[in-house]
N, C-alpha and C. Protein backbone atom coordinates (compact mmCIF):
# COMPACT_ATOMS: atom_id res chain seq x y z
N MET A 1 108.57 88.85 89.25
CA MET A 1 107.46 88.62 90.16
C MET A 1 106.74 89.94 90.43
N THR A 2 105.43 89.92 90.39
CA THR A 2 104.62 91.10 90.65
C THR A 2 104.61 91.42 92.14
N ARG A 3 104.79 92.67 92.46
CA ARG A 3 104.63 93.10 93.86
C ARG A 3 103.19 93.53 94.03
N HIS A 4 102.50 92.87 94.93
CA HIS A 4 101.10 93.16 95.17
C HIS A 4 100.93 94.26 96.20
N VAL A 5 99.82 94.95 96.11
CA VAL A 5 99.41 95.94 97.10
C VAL A 5 98.07 95.47 97.64
N LEU A 6 97.97 95.35 98.95
CA LEU A 6 96.73 94.93 99.60
C LEU A 6 96.09 96.11 100.29
N LEU A 7 94.82 96.29 100.05
CA LEU A 7 94.02 97.27 100.79
C LEU A 7 93.10 96.47 101.69
N VAL A 8 93.06 96.80 102.96
CA VAL A 8 92.27 96.06 103.92
C VAL A 8 91.30 97.01 104.60
N ALA A 9 90.01 96.71 104.47
CA ALA A 9 88.98 97.50 105.14
C ALA A 9 88.13 96.57 105.98
N ARG A 10 87.97 96.90 107.23
CA ARG A 10 87.10 96.10 108.08
C ARG A 10 85.68 96.58 107.88
N ALA A 11 84.74 95.92 108.51
CA ALA A 11 83.38 96.42 108.51
C ALA A 11 83.46 97.80 109.16
N VAL A 12 83.03 98.82 108.47
CA VAL A 12 83.29 100.19 108.92
C VAL A 12 82.19 100.72 109.82
N THR A 13 82.58 101.69 110.60
CA THR A 13 81.66 102.45 111.41
C THR A 13 81.78 103.89 110.95
N HIS A 14 80.70 104.44 110.45
CA HIS A 14 80.72 105.83 110.02
C HIS A 14 80.44 106.71 111.23
N THR A 15 81.43 107.51 111.58
CA THR A 15 81.31 108.39 112.74
C THR A 15 81.69 109.79 112.31
N ALA A 16 80.77 110.69 112.42
CA ALA A 16 81.02 112.09 112.08
C ALA A 16 81.61 112.22 110.68
N GLY A 17 81.12 111.38 109.76
CA GLY A 17 81.57 111.48 108.39
C GLY A 17 82.91 110.84 108.09
N HIS A 18 83.49 110.12 109.06
CA HIS A 18 84.79 109.49 108.85
C HIS A 18 84.66 107.98 108.95
N ASP A 19 85.45 107.27 108.17
CA ASP A 19 85.49 105.82 108.23
C ASP A 19 86.65 105.40 109.11
N THR A 20 86.49 104.29 109.80
CA THR A 20 87.59 103.76 110.58
C THR A 20 87.95 102.40 110.03
N ALA A 21 89.22 102.07 110.02
CA ALA A 21 89.68 100.77 109.54
C ALA A 21 90.76 100.26 110.47
N ALA A 22 90.88 98.94 110.52
CA ALA A 22 91.90 98.31 111.35
C ALA A 22 93.28 98.62 110.80
N GLY A 23 94.24 98.80 111.66
CA GLY A 23 95.61 99.04 111.23
C GLY A 23 96.23 97.77 110.66
N VAL A 24 97.02 97.93 109.63
CA VAL A 24 97.69 96.80 108.99
C VAL A 24 99.15 97.15 108.82
N GLY A 25 100.02 96.22 109.14
CA GLY A 25 101.45 96.47 109.02
C GLY A 25 101.91 96.51 107.57
N HIS A 26 103.07 97.07 107.35
CA HIS A 26 103.65 97.17 106.02
C HIS A 26 105.11 96.76 106.14
N ARG A 27 105.51 95.83 105.26
CA ARG A 27 106.91 95.42 105.28
C ARG A 27 107.36 95.11 103.86
N ALA A 28 108.63 95.24 103.61
CA ALA A 28 109.19 94.92 102.30
C ALA A 28 110.04 93.66 102.47
N PRO A 29 110.31 92.89 101.46
CA PRO A 29 110.00 93.07 100.05
C PRO A 29 108.68 92.43 99.63
N GLY A 30 107.91 91.89 100.55
CA GLY A 30 106.64 91.25 100.20
C GLY A 30 105.59 92.26 99.80
N PRO A 31 104.34 91.84 99.81
CA PRO A 31 103.27 92.74 99.43
C PRO A 31 103.20 93.96 100.34
N ALA A 32 102.90 95.10 99.77
CA ALA A 32 102.64 96.29 100.57
C ALA A 32 101.21 96.19 101.06
N ALA A 33 100.96 96.53 102.31
CA ALA A 33 99.61 96.43 102.86
C ALA A 33 99.27 97.72 103.57
N GLY A 34 98.02 98.12 103.46
CA GLY A 34 97.58 99.33 104.13
C GLY A 34 96.11 99.26 104.49
N ALA A 35 95.77 99.86 105.61
CA ALA A 35 94.38 99.94 106.02
C ALA A 35 93.71 101.08 105.28
N THR A 36 92.45 100.91 105.01
CA THR A 36 91.70 101.94 104.31
C THR A 36 90.33 102.07 104.93
N GLY A 37 89.68 103.15 104.65
CA GLY A 37 88.30 103.33 105.08
C GLY A 37 87.38 102.56 104.17
N CYS A 38 86.15 102.88 104.19
CA CYS A 38 85.13 102.20 103.40
C CYS A 38 85.46 102.27 101.91
N LEU A 39 85.38 101.13 101.23
CA LEU A 39 85.63 101.07 99.80
C LEU A 39 84.32 101.00 99.01
N PHE A 40 83.20 100.99 99.69
CA PHE A 40 81.88 100.97 99.09
C PHE A 40 81.68 99.75 98.22
N PRO A 41 80.68 98.94 98.35
CA PRO A 41 79.67 99.06 99.40
C PRO A 41 80.22 98.62 100.75
N CYS A 42 79.79 99.31 101.75
CA CYS A 42 80.33 99.14 103.09
C CYS A 42 80.04 97.77 103.70
N ASN A 43 79.02 97.10 103.23
CA ASN A 43 78.63 95.83 103.85
C ASN A 43 79.50 94.65 103.42
N LEU A 44 80.59 94.89 102.69
CA LEU A 44 81.47 93.81 102.25
C LEU A 44 82.60 93.52 103.23
N GLY A 45 82.76 94.36 104.26
CA GLY A 45 83.88 94.20 105.17
C GLY A 45 83.71 93.05 106.13
N PRO A 46 84.81 92.55 106.64
CA PRO A 46 86.18 92.88 106.28
C PRO A 46 86.48 92.53 104.83
N LEU A 47 87.15 93.43 104.15
CA LEU A 47 87.38 93.33 102.72
C LEU A 47 88.86 93.46 102.43
N VAL A 48 89.38 92.58 101.57
CA VAL A 48 90.77 92.67 101.12
C VAL A 48 90.74 92.85 99.61
N VAL A 49 91.46 93.86 99.11
CA VAL A 49 91.59 94.10 97.68
C VAL A 49 93.05 93.89 97.31
N VAL A 50 93.30 93.08 96.29
CA VAL A 50 94.67 92.79 95.85
C VAL A 50 94.90 93.49 94.52
N HIS A 51 95.84 94.43 94.53
CA HIS A 51 96.23 95.12 93.29
C HIS A 51 97.63 94.69 92.92
N PRO A 52 98.05 94.63 91.70
CA PRO A 52 97.37 95.18 90.53
C PRO A 52 96.34 94.24 89.91
N ASP A 53 96.04 93.13 90.58
CA ASP A 53 95.14 92.13 90.01
C ASP A 53 93.67 92.55 90.02
N ASP A 54 93.31 93.54 90.84
CA ASP A 54 91.93 94.02 90.97
C ASP A 54 90.99 92.90 91.42
N ILE A 55 91.46 92.10 92.38
CA ILE A 55 90.65 91.03 92.95
C ILE A 55 90.16 91.49 94.32
N TRP A 56 88.85 91.40 94.53
CA TRP A 56 88.22 91.82 95.78
C TRP A 56 87.75 90.57 96.53
N TYR A 57 88.12 90.48 97.80
CA TYR A 57 87.70 89.38 98.66
C TYR A 57 86.84 89.96 99.79
N PRO A 58 85.52 89.81 99.71
CA PRO A 58 84.65 90.32 100.78
C PRO A 58 84.54 89.34 101.94
N HIS A 59 84.14 89.85 103.08
CA HIS A 59 83.84 89.05 104.27
C HIS A 59 85.01 88.13 104.64
N VAL A 60 86.20 88.70 104.72
CA VAL A 60 87.41 87.90 104.96
C VAL A 60 87.50 87.51 106.44
N ASP A 61 87.62 86.20 106.66
CA ASP A 61 87.88 85.69 108.00
C ASP A 61 89.31 85.12 108.01
N THR A 62 89.71 84.53 109.11
CA THR A 62 91.07 84.03 109.23
C THR A 62 91.39 82.98 108.18
N THR A 63 90.46 82.08 107.92
CA THR A 63 90.67 81.02 106.94
C THR A 63 90.88 81.60 105.55
N LEU A 64 90.03 82.54 105.14
CA LEU A 64 90.16 83.14 103.82
C LEU A 64 91.44 83.97 103.74
N ALA A 65 91.80 84.67 104.80
CA ALA A 65 93.04 85.46 104.80
C ALA A 65 94.25 84.55 104.54
N ARG A 66 94.27 83.38 105.15
CA ARG A 66 95.37 82.43 104.91
C ARG A 66 95.36 81.94 103.47
N ARG A 67 94.18 81.69 102.92
CA ARG A 67 94.09 81.23 101.53
C ARG A 67 94.55 82.33 100.57
N ILE A 68 94.21 83.58 100.87
CA ILE A 68 94.66 84.70 100.04
C ILE A 68 96.19 84.74 100.04
N ALA A 69 96.79 84.61 101.22
CA ALA A 69 98.25 84.65 101.33
C ALA A 69 98.88 83.47 100.59
N ASP A 70 98.36 82.27 100.82
CA ASP A 70 98.97 81.07 100.23
C ASP A 70 98.68 80.94 98.73
N ASP A 71 97.41 81.02 98.37
CA ASP A 71 97.01 80.77 96.98
C ASP A 71 97.30 81.96 96.07
N HIS A 72 96.86 83.14 96.48
CA HIS A 72 96.95 84.30 95.61
C HIS A 72 98.35 84.93 95.64
N LEU A 73 98.83 85.25 96.81
CA LEU A 73 100.09 85.99 96.90
C LEU A 73 101.31 85.11 96.67
N ARG A 74 101.31 83.91 97.22
CA ARG A 74 102.48 83.04 97.06
C ARG A 74 102.44 82.25 95.76
N ALA A 75 101.28 81.66 95.44
CA ALA A 75 101.18 80.79 94.26
C ALA A 75 100.73 81.53 93.00
N GLY A 76 100.21 82.74 93.16
CA GLY A 76 99.79 83.52 92.01
C GLY A 76 98.44 83.15 91.42
N CYS A 77 97.63 82.40 92.19
CA CYS A 77 96.31 81.98 91.72
C CYS A 77 95.24 82.55 92.64
N PRO A 78 94.38 83.43 92.14
CA PRO A 78 93.32 83.95 92.99
C PRO A 78 92.49 82.82 93.61
N VAL A 79 92.06 83.01 94.83
CA VAL A 79 91.28 82.00 95.54
C VAL A 79 90.04 81.65 94.74
N ASP A 80 89.81 80.36 94.55
CA ASP A 80 88.65 79.83 93.83
C ASP A 80 88.51 80.40 92.42
N GLY A 81 89.64 80.78 91.81
CA GLY A 81 89.58 81.28 90.44
C GLY A 81 88.83 82.59 90.28
N ARG A 82 88.76 83.34 91.36
CA ARG A 82 88.02 84.60 91.39
C ARG A 82 88.49 85.54 90.27
N PRO A 83 87.55 86.10 89.48
CA PRO A 83 87.95 87.01 88.40
C PRO A 83 88.24 88.43 88.92
N ALA A 84 88.93 89.20 88.12
CA ALA A 84 89.16 90.61 88.47
C ALA A 84 87.82 91.32 88.51
N ARG A 85 87.70 92.26 89.43
CA ARG A 85 86.44 93.00 89.59
C ARG A 85 86.07 93.73 88.30
N SER A 86 87.07 94.27 87.61
CA SER A 86 86.80 95.01 86.37
C SER A 86 86.29 94.08 85.27
N GLY A 87 86.49 92.77 85.44
CA GLY A 87 86.04 91.81 84.45
C GLY A 87 84.65 91.27 84.71
N THR A 88 83.99 91.78 85.77
CA THR A 88 82.65 91.27 86.09
C THR A 88 81.60 92.27 85.72
């Protein structure tokens, strides 16, 4: 089974040249998760990136976050058949 890494960026506020992101917990043995600053373009937040699949989910709300967890992370199928970003 692939261990996924999630990067989570909220809609960012650029302050004095720094990005701010919401804190995200990290636990094992499930997916590793971490908050990040702006991943560019900034207007996609809240944004979840699932690696190593290179799948980007922009504008994530509670419903989409649950679908990412259930469909992508548990069942191994990206939500709505979303392609890898590098494939677009």
